[in-house]
Amino acid sequence: MRLGISSSLAHTTPEEWASNMKKLGCRSVVFPVNYTADEKVILAYEKAARAHDLQIAEVGIWRNAIDMREEKRNEAMEYSIGQLRLADRLHARCCVNVAGAVGGERWDGAYPENFSRKAWESTVRMIQELIDEVKPQNTYFTIEPMPWMYPTGPEEYLRLLEEVGRDRFAVHMDVINMINTPERYFFPERFVEHCFELLGDRIRSCHIKDILLRQEFTFQLQECACGEGTFCLERYVELAEQADPEMPMIIEHLDDDQAYVESAAYLRKRLKLK
């Protein structure tokens, strides 16, 4: 595996950014600038990553490309096209987004309409149109699973792969985002093994974090830093490495740079990473 973090940490130059990542024990990165950056800046970050053997794991989109408001949807698609082209140019492992929200203002919000037939069809069509427009050769477009929008589990993801029907559509694995039932929480090894059994050969990048059941009623799950929950991190990493020895495992959703530094050190020690 190649450990990475979603934060770019405080830095002033691409070389400092790459050096900081290397010192932290990272071997993969999320590309820190988008396609609108100056050409020289993009080239400098790419060069720094290559010089320090930092795999460019992800180029993020994080826009709602199935927004029901036409202007917003078009803006999101334009950004998605730009980011996928950037990822392809960089030979990134993947370009990643969530499916998007239907029925509310928040781009990644939880709405009942997210589970409508219209949402599913819009997601399939969006992915097809994006890949057909860019025609990537060196990267893959992926969707991060979410608890409240498609896909919420490995079976839905497999169906999405089949209906999209594009070779350059692959899998972004965030297994914690799919733990949304007591069975998946209390028997995580069984669940993560099922995820890799169905999707392992299509996974391009993984997020790594933890999850904890709160004691208050009703069933409340809390995402947390690695080691603060109950998830089977060792088994997760083992399966990821079996799928691909160079698999990126990206730490995310921490409060500040120091938290990322501490979490990376914790995982390196727990997983006995060099």
C-alpha atoms as a PDB file:
ATOM      1  CA  MET A   1       0.000   0.000   0.000  1.00  0.00           C
ATOM      2  CA  ARG A   2       0.937   3.628  -0.358  1.00  0.00           C
ATOM      3  CA  LEU A   3      -0.165   5.768   2.578  1.00  0.00           C
ATOM      4  CA  GLY A   4      -1.362   9.305   1.882  1.00  0.00           C
ATOM      5  CA  ILE A   5      -3.344  12.174   3.373  1.00  0.00           C
ATOM      6  CA  SER A   6      -6.050  14.356   1.845  1.00  0.00           C
ATOM      7  CA  SER A   7      -4.532  17.555   3.275  1.00  0.00           C
ATOM      8  CA  SER A   8      -1.724  19.271   1.385  1.00  0.00           C
ATOM      9  CA  LEU A   9      -0.372  20.615   4.717  1.00  0.00           C
ATOM     10  CA  ALA A  10       0.840  24.205   5.024  1.00  0.00           C
ATOM     11  CA  HIS A  11       3.539  24.910   2.433  1.00  0.00           C
ATOM     12  CA  THR A  12       4.867  27.678   0.228  1.00  0.00           C
ATOM     13  CA  THR A  13       6.348  25.798  -2.742  1.00  0.00           C
ATOM     14  CA  PRO A  14       5.692  22.528  -4.575  1.00  0.00           C
ATOM     15  CA  GLU A  15       9.074  21.224  -3.433  1.00  0.00           C
ATOM     16  CA  GLU A  16       8.224  21.955   0.203  1.00  0.00           C
ATOM     17  CA  TRP A  17       4.852  20.228  -0.250  1.00  0.00           C
ATOM     18  CA  ALA A  18       6.439  17.082  -1.645  1.00  0.00           C
ATOM     19  CA  SER A  19       9.216  17.089   0.932  1.00  0.00           C
ATOM     20  CA  ASN A  20       6.685  17.422   3.763  1.00  0.00           C
ATOM     21  CA  MET A  21       4.725  14.463   2.431  1.00  0.00           C
ATOM     22  CA  LYS A  22       7.834  12.329   2.137  1.00  0.00           C
ATOM     23  CA  LYS A  23       8.936  13.170   5.689  1.00  0.00           C
ATOM     24  CA  LEU A  24       5.492  12.166   6.935  1.00  0.00           C
ATOM     25  CA  GLY A  25       5.924   8.734   5.406  1.00  0.00           C
ATOM     26  CA  CYS A  26       3.447   9.334   2.590  1.00  0.00           C
ATOM     27  CA  ARG A  27       3.933   7.521  -0.690  1.00  0.00           C
ATOM     28  CA  SER A  28       0.774   8.771  -2.388  1.00  0.00           C
ATOM     29  CA  VAL A  29      -0.888  12.176  -2.585  1.00  0.00           C
ATOM     30  CA  VAL A  30      -4.040  14.014  -3.537  1.00  0.00           C
ATOM     31  CA  PHE A  31      -3.050  16.547  -6.184  1.00  0.00           C
ATOM     32  CA  PRO A  32      -3.161  19.931  -4.417  1.00  0.00           C
ATOM     33  CA  VAL A  33      -4.170  22.297  -7.250  1.00  0.00           C
ATOM     34  CA  ASN A  34      -6.951  22.142  -9.809  1.00  0.00           C
ATOM     35  CA  TYR A  35      -7.012  22.444 -13.577  1.00  0.00           C
ATOM     36  CA  THR A  36      -7.454  26.235 -13.471  1.00  0.00           C
ATOM     37  CA  ALA A  37      -4.021  26.732 -11.866  1.00  0.00           C
ATOM     38  CA  ASP A  38      -1.230  28.301 -13.876  1.00  0.00           C
ATOM     39  CA  GLU A  39       0.501  25.826 -16.182  1.00  0.00           C
ATOM     40  CA  LYS A  40       3.851  26.383 -14.482  1.00  0.00           C
ATOM     41  CA  VAL A  41       2.320  25.643 -11.077  1.00  0.00           C
ATOM     42  CA  ILE A  42       0.774  22.380 -12.258  1.00  0.00           C
ATOM     43  CA  LEU A  43       4.068  21.316 -13.815  1.00  0.00           C
ATOM     44  CA  ALA A  44       6.004  22.204 -10.659  1.00  0.00           C
ATOM     45  CA  TYR A  45       3.737  20.101  -8.430  1.00  0.00           C
ATOM     46  CA  GLU A  46       3.839  17.206 -10.862  1.00  0.00           C
ATOM     47  CA  LYS A  47       7.632  17.355 -11.046  1.00  0.00           C
ATOM     48  CA  ALA A  48       7.969  17.526  -7.247  1.00  0.00           C
ATOM     49  CA  ALA A  49       5.700  14.511  -6.798  1.00  0.00           C
ATOM     50  CA  ARG A  50       7.661  12.437  -9.307  1.00  0.00           C
ATOM     51  CA  ALA A  51      11.003  13.465  -7.790  1.00  0.00           C
ATOM     52  CA  HIS A  52       9.910  12.217  -4.361  1.00  0.00           C
ATOM     53  CA  ASP A  53       8.246   9.020  -5.640  1.00  0.00           C
ATOM     54  CA  LEU A  54       4.810  10.255  -4.612  1.00  0.00           C
ATOM     55  CA  GLN A  55       2.078   8.473  -6.510  1.00  0.00           C
ATOM     56  CA  ILE A  56      -0.662  10.886  -7.609  1.00  0.00           C
ATOM     57  CA  ALA A  57      -3.579   8.921  -6.231  1.00  0.00           C
ATOM     58  CA  GLU A  58      -6.511  11.262  -6.673  1.00  0.00           C
ATOM     59  CA  VAL A  59      -7.666  14.380  -8.433  1.00  0.00           C
ATOM     60  CA  GLY A  60     -10.848  15.506  -6.706  1.00  0.00           C
ATOM     61  CA  ILE A  61     -13.964  17.082  -8.183  1.00  0.00           C
ATOM     62  CA  TRP A  62     -16.432  17.466  -5.284  1.00  0.00           C
ATOM     63  CA  ARG A  63     -19.210  19.138  -7.256  1.00  0.00           C
ATOM     64  CA  ASN A  64     -22.833  18.145  -7.887  1.00  0.00           C
ATOM     65  CA  ALA A  65     -22.857  17.146 -11.545  1.00  0.00           C
ATOM     66  CA  ILE A  66     -26.454  15.868 -11.373  1.00  0.00           C
ATOM     67  CA  ASP A  67     -27.865  19.060  -9.834  1.00  0.00           C
ATOM     68  CA  MET A  68     -31.455  19.546 -10.983  1.00  0.00           C
ATOM     69  CA  ARG A  69     -30.734  23.244 -11.587  1.00  0.00           C
ATOM     70  CA  GLU A  70     -29.392  23.425 -15.135  1.00  0.00           C
ATOM     71  CA  GLU A  71     -26.932  26.265 -14.563  1.00  0.00           C
ATOM     72  CA  LYS A  72     -25.443  24.615 -11.481  1.00  0.00           C
ATOM     73  CA  ARG A  73     -25.275  21.242 -13.219  1.00  0.00           C
ATOM     74  CA  ASN A  74     -23.519  22.714 -16.256  1.00  0.00           C
ATOM     75  CA  GLU A  75     -20.976  24.482 -14.049  1.00  0.00           C
ATOM     76  CA  ALA A  76     -20.271  21.245 -12.193  1.00  0.00           C
ATOM     77  CA  MET A  77     -19.880  19.287 -15.435  1.00  0.00           C
ATOM     78  CA  GLU A  78     -17.471  21.860 -16.820  1.00  0.00           C
ATOM     79  CA  TYR A  79     -15.359  21.553 -13.675  1.00  0.00           C
ATOM     80  CA  SER A  80     -15.589  17.746 -13.804  1.00  0.00           C
ATOM     81  CA  ILE A  81     -14.332  17.714 -17.394  1.00  0.00           C
ATOM     82  CA  GLY A  82     -11.414  19.949 -16.473  1.00  0.00           C
ATOM     83  CA  GLN A  83     -10.447  17.823 -13.492  1.00  0.00           C
ATOM     84  CA  LEU A  84     -10.695  14.539 -15.382  1.00  0.00           C
ATOM     85  CA  ARG A  85      -8.485  15.964 -18.136  1.00  0.00           C
ATOM     86  CA  LEU A  86      -5.987  17.049 -15.490  1.00  0.00           C
ATOM     87  CA  ALA A  87      -6.027  13.590 -13.899  1.00  0.00           C
ATOM     88  CA  ASP A  88      -5.442  11.993 -17.287  1.00  0.00           C
ATOM     89  CA  ARG A  89      -2.550  14.296 -18.030  1.00  0.00           C
ATOM     90  CA  LEU A  90      -0.986  13.496 -14.638  1.00  0.00           C
ATOM     91  CA  HIS A  91      -1.536   9.737 -15.012  1.00  0.00           C
ATOM     92  CA  ALA A  92      -3.339   9.902 -11.668  1.00  0.00           C
ATOM     93  CA  ARG A  93      -4.752   6.686 -10.260  1.00  0.00           C
ATOM     94  CA  CYS A  94      -8.225   8.214 -10.457  1.00  0.00           C
ATOM     95  CA  CYS A  95     -10.364  11.298 -10.653  1.00  0.00           C
ATOM     96  CA  VAL A  96     -13.025  11.098  -7.953  1.00  0.00           C
ATOM     97  CA  ASN A  97     -16.394  12.649  -7.147  1.00  0.00           C
ATOM     98  CA  VAL A  98     -19.568  11.639  -5.344  1.00  0.00           C
ATOM     99  CA  ALA A  99     -22.688  10.952  -7.387  1.00  0.00           C
ATOM    100  CA  GLY A 100     -24.392  14.166  -6.263  1.00  0.00           C
ATOM    101  CA  ALA A 101     -27.618  15.192  -4.559  1.00  0.00           C
ATOM    102  CA  VAL A 102     -31.135  15.544  -5.901  1.00  0.00           C
ATOM    103  CA  GLY A 103     -33.794  17.548  -4.138  1.00  0.00           C
ATOM    104  CA  GLY A 104     -31.967  20.116  -2.019  1.00  0.00           C
ATOM    105  CA  GLU A 105     -29.492  22.981  -1.850  1.00  0.00           C
ATOM    106  CA  ARG A 106     -26.517  21.095  -0.427  1.00  0.00           C
ATOM    107  CA  TRP A 107     -24.358  19.564  -3.152  1.00  0.00           C
ATOM    108  CA  ASP A 108     -23.714  16.390  -1.138  1.00  0.00           C
ATOM    109  CA  GLY A 109     -26.783  16.519   1.074  1.00  0.00           C
ATOM    110  CA  ALA A 110     -29.029  13.708   2.286  1.00  0.00           C
ATOM    111  CA  TYR A 111     -32.426  13.800   0.552  1.00  0.00           C
ATOM    112  CA  PRO A 112     -35.016  11.104  -0.173  1.00  0.00           C
ATOM    113  CA  GLU A 113     -34.890  12.035  -3.847  1.00  0.00           C
ATOM    114  CA  ASN A 114     -31.286  10.768  -3.930  1.00  0.00           C
ATOM    115  CA  PHE A 115     -32.744   7.266  -4.061  1.00  0.00           C
ATOM    116  CA  SER A 116     -35.170   7.922  -6.895  1.00  0.00           C
ATOM    117  CA  ARG A 117     -35.026   6.331 -10.308  1.00  0.00           C
ATOM    118  CA  LYS A 118     -34.285   9.794 -11.685  1.00  0.00           C
ATOM    119  CA  ALA A 119     -31.203  10.108  -9.463  1.00  0.00           C
ATOM    120  CA  TRP A 120     -29.907   6.718 -10.602  1.00  0.00           C
ATOM    121  CA  GLU A 121     -30.447   7.440 -14.286  1.00  0.00           C
ATOM    122  CA  SER A 122     -28.915  10.913 -13.942  1.00  0.00           C
ATOM    123  CA  THR A 123     -25.841   9.424 -12.289  1.00  0.00           C
ATOM    124  CA  VAL A 124     -25.361   6.812 -15.014  1.00  0.00           C
ATOM    125  CA  ARG A 125     -25.815   9.411 -17.751  1.00  0.00           C
ATOM    126  CA  MET A 126     -23.464  11.913 -16.063  1.00  0.00           C
ATOM    127  CA  ILE A 127     -20.662   9.348 -15.817  1.00  0.00           C
ATOM    128  CA  GLN A 128     -21.111   8.231 -19.418  1.00  0.00           C
ATOM    129  CA  GLU A 129     -21.141  11.808 -20.741  1.00  0.00           C
ATOM    130  CA  LEU A 130     -18.079  12.778 -18.728  1.00  0.00           C
ATOM    131  CA  ILE A 131     -15.989   9.827 -19.861  1.00  0.00           C
ATOM    132  CA  ASP A 132     -17.172  10.107 -23.465  1.00  0.00           C
ATOM    133  CA  GLU A 133     -16.247  13.801 -23.535  1.00  0.00           C
ATOM    134  CA  VAL A 134     -12.753  13.428 -22.060  1.00  0.00           C
ATOM    135  CA  LYS A 135     -11.889   9.960 -23.358  1.00  0.00           C
ATOM    136  CA  PRO A 136      -9.245   9.366 -20.653  1.00  0.00           C
ATOM    137  CA  GLN A 137      -6.387   7.028 -21.488  1.00  0.00           C
ATOM    138  CA  ASN A 138      -4.189   7.288 -18.390  1.00  0.00           C
ATOM    139  CA  THR A 139      -6.649   7.552 -15.499  1.00  0.00           C
ATOM    140  CA  TYR A 140     -10.086   6.411 -14.386  1.00  0.00           C
ATOM    141  CA  PHE A 141     -13.178   8.258 -13.262  1.00  0.00           C
ATOM    142  CA  THR A 142     -14.543   6.968  -9.955  1.00  0.00           C
ATOM    143  CA  ILE A 143     -17.448   7.615  -7.603  1.00  0.00           C
ATOM    144  CA  GLU A 144     -16.925   7.627  -3.851  1.00  0.00           C
ATOM    145  CA  PRO A 145     -19.731   5.675  -2.138  1.00  0.00           C
ATOM    146  CA  MET A 146     -21.854   7.575   0.356  1.00  0.00           C
ATOM    147  CA  PRO A 147     -24.344   6.655   3.113  1.00  0.00           C
ATOM    148  CA  TRP A 148     -27.157   8.724   1.582  1.00  0.00           C
ATOM    149  CA  MET A 149     -26.688   8.628  -2.166  1.00  0.00           C
ATOM    150  CA  TYR A 150     -25.839   5.980  -4.738  1.00  0.00           C
ATOM    151  CA  PRO A 151     -23.896   3.771  -4.395  1.00  0.00           C
ATOM    152  CA  THR A 152     -24.427   2.857  -0.710  1.00  0.00           C
ATOM    153  CA  GLY A 153     -22.986  -0.652  -0.953  1.00  0.00           C
ATOM    154  CA  PRO A 154     -20.897  -2.945  -3.141  1.00  0.00           C
ATOM    155  CA  GLU A 155     -23.881  -4.464  -4.958  1.00  0.00           C
ATOM    156  CA  GLU A 156     -25.073  -1.003  -6.011  1.00  0.00           C
ATOM    157  CA  TYR A 157     -21.559  -0.119  -7.132  1.00  0.00           C
ATOM    158  CA  LEU A 158     -21.305  -3.297  -9.197  1.00  0.00           C
ATOM    159  CA  ARG A 159     -24.633  -2.506 -10.829  1.00  0.00           C
ATOM    160  CA  LEU A 160     -23.460   1.043 -11.526  1.00  0.00           C
ATOM    161  CA  LEU A 161     -20.314  -0.269 -13.220  1.00  0.00           C
ATOM    162  CA  GLU A 162     -22.419  -2.545 -15.392  1.00  0.00           C
ATOM    163  CA  GLU A 163     -24.982   0.098 -16.407  1.00  0.00           C
ATOM    164  CA  VAL A 164     -22.378   2.788 -17.137  1.00  0.00           C
ATOM    165  CA  GLY A 165     -20.520   0.309 -19.335  1.00  0.00           C
ATOM    166  CA  ARG A 166     -17.303   2.286 -19.737  1.00  0.00           C
ATOM    167  CA  ASP A 167     -13.846   0.749 -19.291  1.00  0.00           C
ATOM    168  CA  ARG A 168     -12.545   3.965 -17.757  1.00  0.00           C
ATOM    169  CA  PHE A 169     -15.140   3.968 -14.988  1.00  0.00           C
ATOM    170  CA  ALA A 170     -13.707   2.248 -11.921  1.00  0.00           C
ATOM    171  CA  VAL A 171     -14.076   2.104  -8.117  1.00  0.00           C
ATOM    172  CA  HIS A 172     -13.103   4.430  -5.330  1.00  0.00           C
ATOM    173  CA  MET A 173     -13.254   2.431  -2.099  1.00  0.00           C
ATOM    174  CA  ASP A 174     -14.412   4.235   1.034  1.00  0.00           C
ATOM    175  CA  VAL A 175     -15.654   1.269   3.032  1.00  0.00           C
ATOM    176  CA  ILE A 176     -16.481   3.360   6.106  1.00  0.00           C
ATOM    177  CA  ASN A 177     -18.986   5.388   4.063  1.00  0.00           C
ATOM    178  CA  MET A 178     -20.819   2.140   3.325  1.00  0.00           C
ATOM    179  CA  ILE A 179     -21.101   1.024   6.955  1.00  0.00           C
ATOM    180  CA  ASN A 180     -24.684   2.114   7.514  1.00  0.00           C
ATOM    181  CA  THR A 181     -26.305  -0.892   9.224  1.00  0.00           C
ATOM    182  CA  PRO A 182     -25.714  -2.771  12.512  1.00  0.00           C
ATOM    183  CA  GLU A 183     -24.657  -5.872  10.593  1.00  0.00           C
ATOM    184  CA  ARG A 184     -21.968  -4.019   8.644  1.00  0.00           C
ATOM    185  CA  TYR A 185     -20.752  -2.281  11.813  1.00  0.00           C
ATOM    186  CA  PHE A 186     -20.578  -5.311  14.108  1.00  0.00           C
ATOM    187  CA  PHE A 187     -19.120  -7.676  11.483  1.00  0.00           C
ATOM    188  CA  PRO A 188     -16.727  -5.412   9.573  1.00  0.00           C
ATOM    189  CA  GLU A 189     -14.339  -8.119   8.373  1.00  0.00           C
ATOM    190  CA  ARG A 190     -17.191  -9.974   6.716  1.00  0.00           C
ATOM    191  CA  PHE A 191     -18.346  -6.771   5.055  1.00  0.00           C
ATOM    192  CA  VAL A 192     -14.962  -5.534   3.836  1.00  0.00           C
ATOM    193  CA  GLU A 193     -14.161  -8.987   2.460  1.00  0.00           C
ATOM    194  CA  HIS A 194     -17.455  -8.908   0.543  1.00  0.00           C
ATOM    195  CA  CYS A 195     -16.589  -5.462  -0.859  1.00  0.00           C
ATOM    196  CA  PHE A 196     -13.235  -6.640  -2.177  1.00  0.00           C
ATOM    197  CA  GLU A 197     -14.702  -9.880  -3.480  1.00  0.00           C
ATOM    198  CA  LEU A 198     -17.144  -7.945  -5.663  1.00  0.00           C
ATOM    199  CA  LEU A 199     -15.047  -4.901  -6.558  1.00  0.00           C
ATOM    200  CA  GLY A 200     -11.387  -5.607  -5.805  1.00  0.00           C
ATOM    201  CA  ASP A 201     -10.122  -5.797  -9.372  1.00  0.00           C
ATOM    202  CA  ARG A 202     -11.653  -2.385 -10.218  1.00  0.00           C
ATOM    203  CA  ILE A 203     -10.494  -0.386  -7.166  1.00  0.00           C
ATOM    204  CA  ARG A 204      -8.149   2.511  -7.950  1.00  0.00           C
ATOM    205  CA  SER A 205      -7.861   4.282  -4.581  1.00  0.00           C
ATOM    206  CA  CYS A 206      -9.041   3.874  -0.974  1.00  0.00           C
ATOM    207  CA  HIS A 207      -9.839   6.174   1.919  1.00  0.00           C
ATOM    208  CA  ILE A 208      -8.788   4.954   5.346  1.00  0.00           C
ATOM    209  CA  LYS A 209     -10.453   6.113   8.560  1.00  0.00           C
ATOM    210  CA  ASP A 210     -12.407   4.601  11.448  1.00  0.00           C
ATOM    211  CA  ILE A 211     -15.948   4.384  12.783  1.00  0.00           C
ATOM    212  CA  LEU A 212     -17.549   4.225  16.216  1.00  0.00           C
ATOM    213  CA  LEU A 213     -21.067   3.414  17.399  1.00  0.00           C
ATOM    214  CA  ARG A 214     -22.339   6.080  19.789  1.00  0.00           C
ATOM    215  CA  GLN A 215     -24.254   4.912  22.837  1.00  0.00           C
ATOM    216  CA  GLU A 216     -27.142   7.364  22.444  1.00  0.00           C
ATOM    217  CA  PHE A 217     -30.340   6.175  20.779  1.00  0.00           C
ATOM    218  CA  THR A 218     -31.078   5.523  18.063  1.00  0.00           C
ATOM    219  CA  PHE A 219     -28.416   3.853  15.864  1.00  0.00           C
ATOM    220  CA  GLN A 220     -25.747   6.566  15.473  1.00  0.00           C
ATOM    221  CA  LEU A 221     -22.425   5.985  13.759  1.00  0.00           C
ATOM    222  CA  GLN A 222     -19.578   8.474  14.011  1.00  0.00           C
ATOM    223  CA  GLU A 223     -16.671   8.705  11.599  1.00  0.00           C
ATOM    224  CA  CYS A 224     -13.422   9.158  13.498  1.00  0.00           C
ATOM    225  CA  ALA A 225      -9.652   9.064  13.180  1.00  0.00           C
ATOM    226  CA  CYS A 226      -7.918   5.734  12.762  1.00  0.00           C
ATOM    227  CA  GLY A 227      -7.602   4.018  16.131  1.00  0.00           C
ATOM    228  CA  GLU A 228     -10.527   5.836  17.724  1.00  0.00           C
ATOM    229  CA  GLY A 229     -13.101   3.373  16.429  1.00  0.00           C
ATOM    230  CA  THR A 230     -13.613  -0.342  16.006  1.00  0.00           C
ATOM    231  CA  PHE A 231     -12.958  -0.964  12.315  1.00  0.00           C
ATOM    232  CA  CYS A 232     -10.670  -3.803  11.205  1.00  0.00           C
ATOM    233  CA  LEU A 233      -7.966  -1.605   9.699  1.00  0.00           C
ATOM    234  CA  GLU A 234      -5.409  -4.398   9.342  1.00  0.00           C
ATOM    235  CA  ARG A 235      -7.806  -6.576   7.345  1.00  0.00           C
ATOM    236  CA  TYR A 236      -8.793  -3.618   5.168  1.00  0.00           C
ATOM    237  CA  VAL A 237      -5.165  -2.889   4.292  1.00  0.00           C
ATOM    238  CA  GLU A 238      -4.407  -6.579   3.761  1.00  0.00           C
ATOM    239  CA  LEU A 239      -7.218  -6.884   1.227  1.00  0.00           C
ATOM    240  CA  ALA A 240      -6.220  -3.649  -0.492  1.00  0.00           C
ATOM    241  CA  GLU A 241      -2.653  -4.883  -0.880  1.00  0.00           C
ATOM    242  CA  GLN A 242      -3.885  -8.195  -2.255  1.00  0.00           C
ATOM    243  CA  ALA A 243      -5.915  -6.287  -4.837  1.00  0.00           C
ATOM    244  CA  ASP A 244      -2.928  -4.084  -5.714  1.00  0.00           C
ATOM    245  CA  PRO A 245       0.398  -3.805  -3.839  1.00  0.00           C
ATOM    246  CA  GLU A 246       0.584  -0.139  -4.923  1.00  0.00           C
ATOM    247  CA  MET A 247      -2.907   0.727  -3.674  1.00  0.00           C
ATOM    248  CA  PRO A 248      -3.155   4.248  -2.232  1.00  0.00           C
ATOM    249  CA  MET A 249      -4.770   4.505   1.221  1.00  0.00           C
ATOM    250  CA  ILE A 250      -5.694   8.126   1.913  1.00  0.00           C
ATOM    251  CA  ILE A 251      -6.404   9.522   5.400  1.00  0.00           C
ATOM    252  CA  GLU A 252      -9.136  12.175   5.334  1.00  0.00           C
ATOM    253  CA  HIS A 253     -11.567  14.368   7.294  1.00  0.00           C
ATOM    254  CA  LEU A 254      -9.311  15.419  10.157  1.00  0.00           C
ATOM    255  CA  ASP A 255      -9.479  18.846  11.785  1.00  0.00           C
ATOM    256  CA  ASP A 256      -6.028  20.308  11.112  1.00  0.00           C
ATOM    257  CA  ASP A 257      -2.518  19.601   9.871  1.00  0.00           C
ATOM    258  CA  GLN A 258      -1.313  18.350  13.244  1.00  0.00           C
ATOM    259  CA  ALA A 259      -4.105  15.772  13.326  1.00  0.00           C
ATOM    260  CA  TYR A 260      -2.966  14.477   9.930  1.00  0.00           C
ATOM    261  CA  VAL A 261       0.647  14.281  11.103  1.00  0.00           C
ATOM    262  CA  GLU A 262      -0.397  12.330  14.198  1.00  0.00           C
ATOM    263  CA  SER A 263      -2.735  10.021  12.285  1.00  0.00           C
ATOM    264  CA  ALA A 264      -0.087   9.174   9.683  1.00  0.00           C
ATOM    265  CA  ALA A 265       2.418   8.394  12.439  1.00  0.00           C
ATOM    266  CA  TYR A 266      -0.174   6.246  14.231  1.00  0.00           C
ATOM    267  CA  LEU A 267      -0.961   4.213  11.121  1.00  0.00           C
ATOM    268  CA  ARG A 268       2.670   3.757  10.218  1.00  0.00           C
ATOM    269  CA  LYS A 269       3.321   2.325  13.663  1.00  0.00           C
ATOM    270  CA  ARG A 270       0.160   0.216  13.868  1.00  0.00           C
ATOM    271  CA  LEU A 271       0.563  -1.221  10.389  1.00  0.00           C
ATOM    272  CA  LYS A 272       4.358  -1.530  10.723  1.00  0.00           C
ATOM    273  CA  LEU A 273       4.976   0.578   7.640  1.00  0.00           C
ATOM    274  CA  LYS A 274       8.522   1.589   6.769  1.00  0.00           C
END
